[in-house]
Amino acid sequence: VATDVAHDHFAEATIASLNRYSAIAVAELLECDSFRTEITYDVSSVEWCGALKNIYALGAGMCDGMGGGSNAKAALLRQALKEMTEFCRVFDQTGHFKVFYSAFFCSK
């Protein structure tokens, strides 16, 4: 993220806080044309996903390194989103967990 920000490439972050005013203040400090923020009260899910995404990023890198195609990497990332969502639902600590993109879960 730091390299992207330094080169003025698009980046984003999720600001999680139980204090709405603190979250807004941090978001306002960071937002610019190339950096967007999203605010949530779901602190535990943001913490879990921040850690879990690194595991799935390694898997995506392995797909590239092994010569897997973009469809293989997309399948890995789709499954990762499903697993992260389920993990956060089960281990929700704040009572604020919500799934906003339910299209990922329509298949049987």
Protein backbone atom coordinates (compact mmCIF):
# COMPACT_ATOMS: atom_id res chain seq x y z
CA VAL A 1 0.00 0.00 0.00
CA ALA A 2 2.78 2.44 0.90
CA THR A 3 4.44 2.05 -2.52
CA ASP A 4 1.13 2.60 -4.31
CA VAL A 5 0.41 5.70 -2.24
CA ALA A 6 3.93 7.04 -2.83
CA HIS A 7 3.48 6.62 -6.59
CA ASP A 8 -0.03 8.15 -6.49
CA HIS A 9 -1.62 4.86 -7.57
CA PHE A 10 -5.10 4.04 -6.36
CA ALA A 11 -5.30 2.48 -2.90
CA GLU A 12 -8.01 2.00 -0.30
CA ALA A 13 -8.45 1.13 3.35
CA THR A 14 -11.24 0.26 5.72
CA ILE A 15 -11.47 2.35 8.88
CA ALA A 16 -13.03 0.36 11.73
CA SER A 17 -14.03 1.98 14.99
CA LEU A 18 -16.86 1.80 17.47
CA ASN A 19 -16.58 5.59 17.71
CA ARG A 20 -18.24 7.09 14.62
CA TYR A 21 -16.61 10.50 15.04
CA SER A 22 -13.11 9.07 15.33
CA ALA A 23 -13.64 6.94 12.23
CA ILE A 24 -14.88 9.93 10.24
CA ALA A 25 -11.94 12.07 11.40
CA VAL A 26 -9.40 9.43 10.32
CA ALA A 27 -11.17 8.88 6.99
CA GLU A 28 -11.19 12.62 6.27
CA LEU A 29 -7.46 12.83 6.99
CA LEU A 30 -6.64 10.02 4.56
CA GLU A 31 -9.07 10.51 1.67
CA CYS A 32 -7.85 12.05 -1.58
CA ASP A 33 -8.30 11.39 -5.30
CA SER A 34 -6.11 8.28 -5.23
CA PHE A 35 -6.92 6.97 -1.75
CA ARG A 36 -10.42 5.97 -0.65
CA THR A 37 -11.69 4.86 2.71
CA GLU A 38 -14.71 2.94 3.92
CA ILE A 39 -15.97 3.22 7.49
CA THR A 40 -17.40 0.34 9.49
CA TYR A 41 -18.22 -0.45 13.11
CA ASP A 42 -17.30 -4.11 12.58
CA VAL A 43 -13.87 -3.93 14.19
CA SER A 44 -13.36 -7.68 14.65
CA SER A 45 -14.06 -8.52 10.98
CA VAL A 46 -11.66 -5.84 9.78
CA GLU A 47 -8.96 -7.24 12.06
CA TRP A 48 -9.59 -10.84 10.94
CA CYS A 49 -9.76 -9.96 7.24
CA GLY A 50 -6.61 -7.87 7.51
CA ALA A 51 -4.75 -10.98 8.64
CA LEU A 52 -6.53 -13.55 6.46
CA LYS A 53 -6.06 -11.58 3.23
CA ASN A 54 -2.31 -12.07 3.54
CA ILE A 55 -2.75 -15.84 3.45
CA TYR A 56 -4.89 -15.63 0.32
CA ALA A 57 -2.46 -13.15 -1.26
CA LEU A 58 0.24 -15.80 -0.87
CA GLY A 59 -2.04 -18.28 -2.64
CA ALA A 60 -2.67 -15.80 -5.46
CA GLY A 61 1.08 -15.31 -5.82
CA MET A 62 1.55 -19.08 -5.95
CA CYS A 63 -1.04 -19.27 -8.73
CA ASP A 64 1.04 -16.77 -10.69
CA GLY A 65 4.32 -18.51 -9.87
CA MET A 66 3.01 -21.91 -10.93
CA GLY A 67 1.72 -20.51 -14.22
CA GLY A 68 -1.95 -20.78 -13.32
CA GLY A 69 -4.32 -18.76 -15.43
CA SER A 70 -6.44 -15.84 -14.36
CA ASN A 71 -9.46 -18.14 -13.95
CA ALA A 72 -7.58 -20.27 -11.40
CA LYS A 73 -6.62 -17.17 -9.43
CA ALA A 74 -10.17 -15.82 -9.65
CA ALA A 75 -11.51 -19.14 -8.29
CA LEU A 76 -9.03 -19.00 -5.41
CA LEU A 77 -10.03 -15.42 -4.57
CA ARG A 78 -13.76 -16.21 -4.82
CA GLN A 79 -13.30 -19.08 -2.39
CA ALA A 80 -11.19 -16.83 -0.15
CA LEU A 81 -14.00 -14.28 0.03
CA LYS A 82 -16.47 -17.00 0.97
CA GLU A 83 -14.16 -18.38 3.67
CA MET A 84 -13.37 -14.94 5.09
CA THR A 85 -17.06 -14.08 5.24
CA GLU A 86 -17.93 -17.31 7.04
CA PHE A 87 -14.99 -16.92 9.41
CA CYS A 88 -16.08 -13.38 10.31
CA ARG A 89 -19.70 -14.46 10.75
CA VAL A 90 -18.71 -17.22 13.16
CA PHE A 91 -16.18 -15.18 15.15
CA ASP A 92 -18.00 -11.81 15.16
CA GLN A 93 -17.05 -9.97 18.35
CA THR A 94 -19.01 -6.76 17.87
CA GLY A 95 -22.45 -7.77 16.65
CA HIS A 96 -21.96 -5.50 13.62
CA PHE A 97 -21.10 -8.19 11.02
CA LYS A 98 -23.09 -7.89 7.79
CA VAL A 99 -22.59 -9.36 4.33
CA PHE A 100 -22.96 -6.61 1.75
CA TYR A 101 -22.08 -8.60 -1.38
CA SER A 102 -24.38 -11.60 -1.21
CA ALA A 103 -23.91 -12.36 -4.94
CA PHE A 104 -20.87 -14.45 -3.97
CA PHE A 105 -23.09 -16.89 -2.12
CA CYS A 106 -25.89 -17.55 -4.58
CA SER A 107 -24.49 -20.79 -6.01
CA LYS A 108 -25.30 -24.13 -4.41
